N, C-alpha and C. Protein backbone atom coordinates (compact mmCIF):
# COMPACT_ATOMS: atom_id res chain seq x y z
N MET A 1 78.98 85.41 44.85
CA MET A 1 79.71 84.13 45.79
C MET A 1 79.44 84.66 46.88
N SER A 2 78.80 83.79 47.98
CA SER A 2 78.24 83.92 49.46
C SER A 2 79.54 83.35 50.18
N THR A 3 79.14 83.94 51.23
CA THR A 3 80.13 83.68 52.28
C THR A 3 79.77 82.74 53.22
N LEU A 4 81.02 81.80 53.56
CA LEU A 4 80.35 80.49 54.52
C LEU A 4 79.89 81.18 55.79
N LYS A 5 79.12 80.77 56.34
CA LYS A 5 78.86 81.20 57.86
C LYS A 5 79.79 79.83 58.92
N THR A 6 80.42 80.25 59.22
CA THR A 6 81.51 79.84 60.55
C THR A 6 81.12 79.87 61.78
N GLU A 7 81.09 78.67 62.28
CA GLU A 7 80.71 78.97 64.23
C GLU A 7 82.29 78.85 64.79
N LEU A 8 82.37 79.10 65.79
CA LEU A 8 83.58 78.61 66.68
C LEU A 8 83.55 77.49 67.12
N CYS A 9 84.30 76.37 67.72
CA CYS A 9 84.78 75.29 68.42
C CYS A 9 84.35 76.16 70.17
N HIS A 10 83.59 75.67 70.95
CA HIS A 10 83.33 76.20 72.16
C HIS A 10 84.83 75.98 72.99
N PHE A 11 85.40 75.08 72.69
CA PHE A 11 86.70 74.68 73.43
C PHE A 11 87.76 75.44 73.20
N SER A 12 88.18 74.90 71.73
CA SER A 12 89.43 75.29 71.04
C SER A 12 89.28 76.48 70.53
N HIS A 13 88.27 77.16 70.16
CA HIS A 13 87.92 78.39 69.49
C HIS A 13 88.61 78.47 67.96
N PHE A 14 88.83 77.43 67.28
CA PHE A 14 88.86 77.34 65.98
C PHE A 14 87.78 77.13 64.99
N ARG A 15 87.46 77.75 63.78
CA ARG A 15 86.57 77.82 63.07
C ARG A 15 85.97 76.50 62.49
N LEU A 16 84.66 76.63 62.82
CA LEU A 16 84.08 75.08 62.58
C LEU A 16 83.13 75.79 61.24
N HIS A 17 83.68 75.09 59.78
CA HIS A 17 83.12 75.46 58.56
C HIS A 17 81.43 74.43 58.19
N PRO A 18 80.67 74.59 57.82
CA PRO A 18 79.69 74.15 57.59
C PRO A 18 79.69 72.58 57.30
N GLY A 19 79.15 71.63 58.01
CA GLY A 19 79.32 70.03 57.79
C GLY A 19 80.34 69.66 58.44
N HIS A 20 80.97 70.40 59.34
CA HIS A 20 82.08 69.93 60.42
C HIS A 20 81.55 70.12 61.89
N GLY A 21 82.17 69.20 62.86
CA GLY A 21 82.26 69.35 63.89
C GLY A 21 81.08 68.44 64.42
N LYS A 22 80.63 68.39 65.77
CA LYS A 22 79.51 68.06 66.47
C LYS A 22 78.84 69.03 67.55
N LYS A 23 77.73 69.32 67.45
CA LYS A 23 76.96 69.85 68.44
C LYS A 23 76.16 69.07 69.51
N TYR A 24 76.43 69.69 70.74
CA TYR A 24 76.57 68.85 71.68
C TYR A 24 75.25 69.77 72.48
N ALA A 25 74.04 69.46 73.14
CA ALA A 25 73.15 70.06 73.62
C ALA A 25 72.52 69.70 75.01
N ARG A 26 73.27 70.69 75.97
CA ARG A 26 73.25 70.42 77.44
C ARG A 26 71.46 70.15 77.99
N VAL A 27 71.01 69.83 79.24
CA VAL A 27 69.98 69.46 79.58
C VAL A 27 69.32 70.95 79.57
N ASP A 28 69.89 71.79 80.24
CA ASP A 28 69.39 73.29 80.43
C ASP A 28 68.89 73.99 79.02
N GLY A 29 69.28 73.32 77.68
CA GLY A 29 68.82 73.55 76.49
C GLY A 29 70.59 74.26 75.79
N LYS A 30 71.52 74.89 76.42
CA LYS A 30 72.55 75.58 75.89
C LYS A 30 73.10 74.26 74.94
N ILE A 31 73.53 75.09 73.37
CA ILE A 31 74.19 74.12 72.67
C ILE A 31 75.60 74.61 72.27
N PHE A 32 76.09 73.81 72.57
CA PHE A 32 77.78 73.71 72.50
C PHE A 32 78.75 73.40 71.15
N ASN A 33 79.56 73.43 70.25
CA ASN A 33 79.93 73.79 69.16
C ASN A 33 81.33 72.79 69.27
N PHE A 34 81.91 71.54 68.74
CA PHE A 34 83.02 71.83 68.78
C PHE A 34 83.57 70.70 67.89
N MET A 35 84.95 71.04 67.83
CA MET A 35 85.59 70.93 66.18
C MET A 35 85.54 69.15 66.03
N THR A 36 86.61 68.61 67.31
CA THR A 36 86.51 67.18 67.50
C THR A 36 86.41 67.01 68.48
N ARG A 37 86.06 65.25 68.45
CA ARG A 37 85.80 64.45 70.00
C ARG A 37 87.02 64.88 70.92
N LYS A 38 88.09 65.24 70.65
CA LYS A 38 88.96 65.52 71.62
C LYS A 38 88.74 66.74 72.19
N CYS A 39 88.18 67.85 71.61
CA CYS A 39 87.73 68.98 71.84
C CYS A 39 86.28 69.18 73.02
N ALA A 40 85.35 67.71 72.57
CA ALA A 40 84.31 67.63 73.56
C ALA A 40 84.87 66.66 74.87
N ARG A 41 85.56 65.94 74.68
CA ARG A 41 86.27 65.19 75.54
C ARG A 41 86.91 66.20 76.62
N CYS A 42 87.69 66.95 76.57
CA CYS A 42 88.69 67.90 77.01
C CYS A 42 87.63 68.83 77.73
N TYR A 43 86.40 69.56 77.33
CA TYR A 43 85.46 70.12 78.07
C TYR A 43 84.77 69.45 78.63
N GLN A 44 84.17 68.28 78.64
CA GLN A 44 83.43 66.89 79.64
C GLN A 44 84.47 66.86 80.51
N MET A 45 85.54 66.80 80.81
CA MET A 45 86.65 66.56 81.78
C MET A 45 87.12 68.14 82.65
N LYS A 46 86.27 68.67 82.01
CA LYS A 46 86.33 70.34 82.62
C LYS A 46 87.49 70.66 82.41
N ARG A 47 88.72 70.67 81.13
CA ARG A 47 89.82 71.07 81.37
C ARG A 47 89.71 72.75 81.09
N ASN A 48 90.90 73.45 81.29
CA ASN A 48 90.82 74.68 80.96
C ASN A 48 91.16 75.16 79.99
N PRO A 49 90.65 75.88 78.68
CA PRO A 49 91.58 75.54 77.38
C PRO A 49 92.53 76.67 77.62
N ARG A 50 92.71 77.59 78.55
CA ARG A 50 93.74 78.86 78.71
C ARG A 50 95.20 78.09 79.14
N ASP A 51 94.66 76.62 79.63
CA ASP A 51 96.06 75.79 80.02
C ASP A 51 96.60 74.55 79.18
N THR A 52 95.47 74.54 78.06
CA THR A 52 95.77 73.64 77.12
C THR A 52 96.88 73.98 75.64
N ARG A 53 98.07 73.61 75.54
CA ARG A 53 98.71 74.35 74.58
C ARG A 53 98.21 74.50 73.29
N TRP A 54 97.56 73.72 72.77
CA TRP A 54 96.94 73.84 71.54
C TRP A 54 95.64 74.55 71.14
N THR A 55 95.36 75.06 72.01
CA THR A 55 93.87 76.10 71.78
C THR A 55 94.19 77.53 71.95
N ILE A 56 93.29 77.86 71.11
CA ILE A 56 93.78 79.81 70.83
C ILE A 56 93.75 80.34 71.98
N HIS A 57 92.63 80.21 72.92
CA HIS A 57 92.86 80.53 74.08
C HIS A 57 94.42 80.88 74.71
N TYR A 58 95.18 79.46 74.60
CA TYR A 58 96.48 79.41 75.52
C TYR A 58 97.13 80.19 74.64
N ARG A 59 97.55 80.13 73.35
CA ARG A 59 98.07 81.15 72.50
C ARG A 59 98.06 82.61 72.64
N LYS A 60 96.56 82.92 72.82
CA LYS A 60 96.40 84.65 73.18
C LYS A 60 96.85 84.99 74.11
N LYS A 61 96.68 83.99 75.86
CA LYS A 61 97.12 83.98 76.74
C LYS A 61 98.81 84.15 77.04
N ASN A 62 99.22 83.43 76.39
CA ASN A 62 100.73 83.10 76.42
C ASN A 62 101.73 84.18 75.02
N LYS A 63 101.01 85.20 74.69
CA LYS A 63 101.20 85.84 73.38
C LYS A 63 102.08 84.95 72.30
N LYS A 64 101.65 83.97 72.15
CA LYS A 64 102.28 83.28 70.93
C LYS A 64 101.45 83.58 69.50
N GLY A 65 102.75 83.96 68.24
CA GLY A 65 102.14 84.03 67.04
C GLY A 65 101.59 85.29 66.65
N GLN A 66 101.44 86.54 67.77
CA GLN A 66 100.64 87.47 67.26
C GLN A 66 101.69 88.84 66.69
N ILE A 67 102.91 88.39 66.62
CA ILE A 67 103.77 89.50 65.81
C ILE A 67 103.25 89.91 64.67
N ALA A 68 102.87 88.63 63.84
CA ALA A 68 102.73 88.78 62.86
C ALA A 68 101.16 89.11 62.23
N GLU A 69 100.52 88.69 63.13
CA GLU A 69 98.93 89.28 63.10
C GLU A 69 98.60 90.90 63.37
N VAL A 70 98.74 91.06 64.69
CA VAL A 70 98.49 92.26 64.83
C VAL A 70 99.72 93.45 65.24
N SER A 71 100.02 94.39 64.88
CA SER A 71 100.72 95.49 64.80
C SER A 71 100.33 95.74 66.23
N ARG A 72 101.60 96.73 67.04
CA ARG A 72 101.49 97.43 68.33
C ARG A 72 100.85 98.74 67.94
N LYS A 73 100.18 98.85 68.67
CA LYS A 73 99.43 100.39 68.57
C LYS A 73 100.65 101.51 69.56
N ARG A 74 100.61 102.50 68.87
CA ARG A 74 101.25 103.32 69.79
C ARG A 74 100.50 104.42 70.34
N THR A 75 100.50 104.22 71.35
CA THR A 75 99.66 105.69 72.23
C THR A 75 100.71 106.99 72.54
N ARG A 76 99.97 107.70 72.73
CA ARG A 76 100.46 109.56 72.69
C ARG A 76 100.87 109.54 74.54
N LYS A 77 102.09 109.64 74.39
CA LYS A 77 102.60 110.17 75.97
C LYS A 77 101.90 111.57 76.34
N THR A 78 101.41 111.56 77.35
CA THR A 78 100.68 112.86 77.96
C THR A 78 102.13 114.05 78.25
N VAL A 79 101.90 115.20 77.72
CA VAL A 79 102.84 116.07 77.86
C VAL A 79 102.38 116.69 79.41
N LYS A 80 103.61 116.85 80.36
CA LYS A 80 103.16 117.61 81.31
C LYS A 80 103.77 119.24 81.39
N TYR A 81 103.05 120.18 81.51
CA TYR A 81 103.24 121.32 81.24
C TYR A 81 103.76 122.06 83.13
N LYS A 82 104.18 122.81 83.02
CA LYS A 82 104.79 123.39 84.45
C LYS A 82 103.94 124.82 84.35
N ARG A 83 102.77 125.26 85.47
CA ARG A 83 102.64 126.27 85.19
C ARG A 83 101.97 126.77 86.39
N ALA A 84 101.81 128.49 86.72
CA ALA A 84 101.64 128.96 87.71
C ALA A 84 100.24 128.79 88.27
N ILE A 85 100.47 128.67 89.85
CA ILE A 85 99.06 128.38 90.31
C ILE A 85 98.39 129.70 90.74
N GLN A 86 97.42 129.60 90.89
CA GLN A 86 96.75 131.14 91.20
C GLN A 86 97.27 131.88 92.63
N GLY A 87 97.88 132.94 92.57
CA GLY A 87 98.35 133.70 93.67
C GLY A 87 99.93 133.08 93.86
N SER A 88 100.44 132.30 92.97
CA SER A 88 101.91 132.84 93.40
C SER A 88 102.59 132.30 91.98
N THR A 89 103.80 132.55 91.57
CA THR A 89 104.21 132.58 90.50
C THR A 89 105.00 130.85 90.02
N LEU A 90 105.24 130.60 88.91
CA LEU A 90 106.31 129.50 88.90
C LEU A 90 107.46 129.62 89.02
N GLU A 91 108.20 130.64 89.59
CA GLU A 91 109.56 131.16 90.31
C GLU A 91 109.44 130.64 91.67
N LYS A 92 108.09 130.83 92.50
CA LYS A 92 108.35 130.84 93.67
C LYS A 92 107.73 129.49 93.87
N ILE A 93 106.69 128.45 92.89
CA ILE A 93 106.61 127.09 93.53
C ILE A 93 108.15 126.45 93.14
N LEU A 94 108.78 126.57 91.98
CA LEU A 94 110.39 125.99 92.27
C LEU A 94 111.28 126.24 93.11
N GLN A 95 111.05 127.63 93.55
CA GLN A 95 111.99 128.21 94.73
C GLN A 95 111.56 126.97 96.00
N LEU A 96 110.16 127.19 96.45
CA LEU A 96 110.20 126.50 97.01
C LEU A 96 110.22 124.74 97.26
N ARG A 97 110.41 124.37 96.15
CA ARG A 97 110.48 122.68 96.02
C ARG A 97 111.81 122.24 96.02
N ASN A 98 112.99 123.08 95.64
CA ASN A 98 114.39 123.17 95.76
C ASN A 98 114.74 123.06 97.28
N GLN A 99 113.90 124.09 98.24
CA GLN A 99 114.26 124.50 99.33
C GLN A 99 114.65 123.26 99.93
N THR A 100 115.78 123.11 100.76
CA THR A 100 116.71 122.12 101.64
C THR A 100 115.51 122.01 102.72
N SER A 101 116.00 120.85 103.62
CA SER A 101 115.12 121.18 105.17
C SER A 101 115.60 121.77 105.85
N GLN A 102 116.97 121.96 105.75
CA GLN A 102 117.42 123.05 107.14
C GLN A 102 116.90 124.73 106.88
N VAL A 103 116.57 124.88 105.78
CA VAL A 103 116.21 126.28 105.04
C VAL A 103 114.71 126.49 105.43
N ARG A 104 113.95 125.41 105.55
CA ARG A 104 112.70 125.20 105.66
C ARG A 104 112.45 125.64 107.66
N LYS A 105 113.30 124.75 108.12
CA LYS A 105 113.45 124.80 109.14
C LYS A 105 113.80 126.47 110.23
N LEU A 106 114.60 126.65 109.56
CA LEU A 106 115.43 128.44 109.79
C LEU A 106 113.83 129.18 109.62
N GLN A 107 112.84 129.11 108.86
CA GLN A 107 112.30 129.71 108.31
C GLN A 107 111.30 129.28 109.47
N ARG A 108 110.85 128.20 110.08
CA ARG A 108 109.72 128.06 110.95
C ARG A 108 110.02 128.50 112.34
N GLU A 109 111.66 128.53 112.45
CA GLU A 109 111.74 129.11 114.17
C GLU A 109 111.40 130.60 113.65
N GLN A 110 112.14 131.52 112.53
CA GLN A 110 111.90 132.81 112.49
C GLN A 110 110.69 133.01 112.34
N ALA A 111 109.56 132.51 112.07
CA ALA A 111 108.27 132.51 112.36
C ALA A 111 107.57 132.70 113.69
N LEU A 112 108.30 131.23 114.51
CA LEU A 112 108.22 131.50 115.73
C LEU A 112 108.32 132.31 116.76
N LYS A 113 109.62 133.05 116.52
CA LYS A 113 109.99 134.09 117.14
C LYS A 113 109.18 135.37 116.84
N ILE A 114 109.08 135.50 115.75
CA ILE A 114 108.09 136.71 115.43
C ILE A 114 106.95 136.39 116.22
N ALA A 115 105.95 135.43 116.18
CA ALA A 115 104.65 135.28 116.87
C ALA A 115 104.49 135.41 117.91
N LYS A 116 106.14 134.72 118.72
CA LYS A 116 105.49 135.14 120.23
C LYS A 116 106.11 136.87 120.42
N GLU A 117 106.92 137.27 119.77
CA GLU A 117 107.36 138.71 120.18
C GLU A 117 105.72 139.25 120.08
N LYS A 118 104.91 138.97 118.86
CA LYS A 118 103.51 139.72 118.58
C LYS A 118 102.85 139.46 120.08
N THR A 119 102.75 138.26 120.50
CA THR A 119 101.90 138.02 121.80
C THR A 119 102.45 138.96 122.96
N LYS A 120 104.02 138.44 123.16
CA LYS A 120 104.18 139.61 124.55
C LYS A 120 103.81 140.83 124.66
N GLN A 121 104.50 141.81 122.93
CA GLN A 121 103.69 143.02 122.93
C GLN A 121 102.00 142.96 123.32
N LYS A 122 101.16 142.35 122.84
CA LYS A 122 99.65 142.03 123.13
C LYS A 122 99.76 142.57 124.67
N LYS A 123 100.43 141.44 125.45
CA LYS A 123 99.89 141.17 126.78
C LYS A 123 100.48 142.42 127.58
N ALA A 124 101.57 143.08 127.02
CA ALA A 124 102.20 144.23 127.81
C ALA A 124 101.42 145.44 127.52
N VAL A 125 100.43 145.44 126.59
CA VAL A 125 99.72 146.40 126.13
C VAL A 125 98.64 146.46 127.05
N LYS A 126 97.71 144.74 127.01
CA LYS A 126 96.69 144.93 127.83
C LYS A 126 97.08 145.19 129.30
N SER A 127 98.42 145.07 129.86
CA SER A 127 98.61 144.94 131.02
C SER A 127 98.85 146.31 131.76
N ALA A 128 99.21 147.30 130.44
CA ALA A 128 99.53 148.67 130.50
C ALA A 128 97.98 149.43 130.73
N GLU A 129 97.07 148.97 130.17
CA GLU A 129 95.45 149.26 130.23
C GLU A 129 94.87 148.69 131.19
N LYS A 130 95.13 147.89 132.10
CA LYS A 130 94.93 147.17 133.18
C LYS A 130 95.23 148.11 134.58
N LYS A 131 96.55 148.57 134.29
CA LYS A 131 97.00 149.26 135.63
C LYS A 131 96.28 150.77 136.02
N PRO A 132 96.20 151.39 135.16
CA PRO A 132 95.31 152.93 135.32
C PRO A 132 94.03 152.29 135.73
N LYS A 133 93.31 151.72 135.26
CA LYS A 133 91.59 151.37 135.65
C LYS A 133 92.03 150.72 137.05
N GLN A 134 92.77 149.84 137.08
CA GLN A 134 93.07 149.61 138.92
C GLN A 134 93.32 150.55 139.95
N ALA A 135 94.15 151.59 139.31
CA ALA A 135 94.62 152.61 140.47
C ALA A 135 93.51 153.26 140.82
N THR A 136 92.47 153.89 139.65
CA THR A 136 91.46 154.36 139.79
C THR A 136 90.50 154.04 140.84
N LYS A 137 90.02 152.75 140.48
CA LYS A 137 88.94 151.85 141.42
C LYS A 137 89.73 151.99 142.57
N SER A 138 91.01 151.62 142.80
CA SER A 138 91.27 151.48 144.24
C SER A 138 91.12 152.99 145.24
N LYS A 139 91.07 154.16 144.51
CA LYS A 139 90.90 155.72 144.94
C LYS A 139 89.82 155.64 145.38
N ASP A 140 88.80 155.41 144.51
CA ASP A 140 87.53 155.49 144.43
C ASP A 140 87.18 155.16 145.70
N LYS A 141 86.94 153.48 146.28
CA LYS A 141 86.41 152.90 147.15
C LYS A 141 87.59 152.80 148.09
N SER A 142 87.13 153.04 149.52
CA SER A 142 88.04 152.92 150.65
C SER A 142 87.47 151.45 151.08
N LYS A 143 88.88 150.54 151.69
CA LYS A 143 88.93 149.17 151.78
C LYS A 143 87.90 149.32 153.32
N ALA A 144 87.06 148.40 153.14
CA ALA A 144 86.45 147.90 154.35
C ALA A 144 87.35 146.65 155.06
N PRO A 145 87.10 146.34 156.23
CA PRO A 145 87.93 145.63 157.04
C PRO A 145 87.45 144.41 156.64
N LYS A 146 87.74 143.49 156.40
CA LYS A 146 87.24 141.78 156.24
C LYS A 146 86.99 141.37 157.33
N GLN A 147 85.98 140.55 157.36
CA GLN A 147 85.46 139.58 158.53
C GLN A 147 86.04 138.05 158.37
N SER A 148 86.73 137.65 159.12
CA SER A 148 87.26 136.50 159.44
C SER A 148 86.15 135.31 159.91
N LYS A 149 86.33 134.67 158.87
CA LYS A 149 85.21 133.24 158.62
C LYS A 149 86.04 132.43 159.46
N LYS A 150 85.35 131.39 159.82
CA LYS A 150 85.63 130.34 160.66
C LYS A 150 86.10 129.00 159.53
N GLN A 151 87.29 128.42 159.69
CA GLN A 151 87.90 127.56 158.74
C GLN A 151 87.14 126.69 158.80
N PRO A 152 86.48 125.84 157.49
CA PRO A 152 85.78 124.76 157.32
C PRO A 152 86.94 123.33 157.43
N ALA A 153 86.18 122.08 158.38
CA ALA A 153 86.69 121.28 158.37
C ALA A 153 87.61 120.34 157.20
N GLN A 154 89.11 120.00 157.49
CA GLN A 154 89.63 119.31 156.21
C GLN A 154 88.89 118.58 155.70
N LYS A 155 88.84 118.29 154.40
CA LYS A 155 88.30 117.15 154.30
C LYS A 155 89.40 115.90 153.83
N GLY A 156 88.65 114.82 154.07
CA GLY A 156 89.67 113.38 153.78
C GLY A 156 90.15 112.94 155.42
N VAL A 157 89.78 113.64 156.53
CA VAL A 157 90.28 113.72 157.38
C VAL A 157 88.95 112.85 158.70
N LYS A 158 89.25 112.19 159.39
CA LYS A 158 87.58 111.56 159.93
C LYS A 158 88.16 111.44 161.20
N LYS A 159 86.91 112.10 162.38
CA LYS A 159 87.10 111.98 163.61
C LYS A 159 87.11 110.72 163.84
N GLN A 160 88.45 110.85 165.15
CA GLN A 160 88.30 109.44 165.73
C GLN A 160 87.44 109.41 166.70
N MET A 161 86.56 108.15 166.89
CA MET A 161 85.64 107.80 167.88
C MET A 161 86.07 106.79 168.86
N LYS A 162 85.77 107.15 170.09
CA LYS A 162 85.88 105.96 171.16
C LYS A 162 85.06 105.09 171.29
N HIS A 163 85.63 104.00 171.23
CA HIS A 163 85.07 102.64 171.43
C HIS A 163 85.09 101.93 172.18
N THR A 164 83.55 101.98 173.19
CA THR A 164 83.89 101.40 174.28
C THR A 164 82.70 100.12 174.14
N LEU A 165 82.98 98.90 175.00
CA LEU A 165 82.50 97.93 175.15
C LEU A 165 82.17 97.57 176.53
């Protein structure tokens, strides 16, 4: 026994068996199959099959009568694993995550204090190194008397000129 070749109605998406329905050929050569005159008129009036209640498009869009046809597919949920990141252990990560903002603030302040102390120590070491060098330089060279230079005119001050008429 051979199977029948069925086509679908272009508007309602119902099955069309051989010898049923009408074919409509558009000017550009595209052929449309319609089950009834009602489907053809709805298409010609440019109605949307998703908004027409008796079409299959409407029933699929609004999930009508699908419970009996298709059973829902179950999807597996992804399982999340907590693992250590390179360079730190899982305990460290959890400990950091559970810290409060006050603890973080205290740690930040302590780190700033330590950094400031280090910079002060570096400055003190540098100043201690400079002092002996300056003392040796001043002993070697005798001070020459400085020559006084003329003071340059002040900027922004204009000389007053006498206007005679």
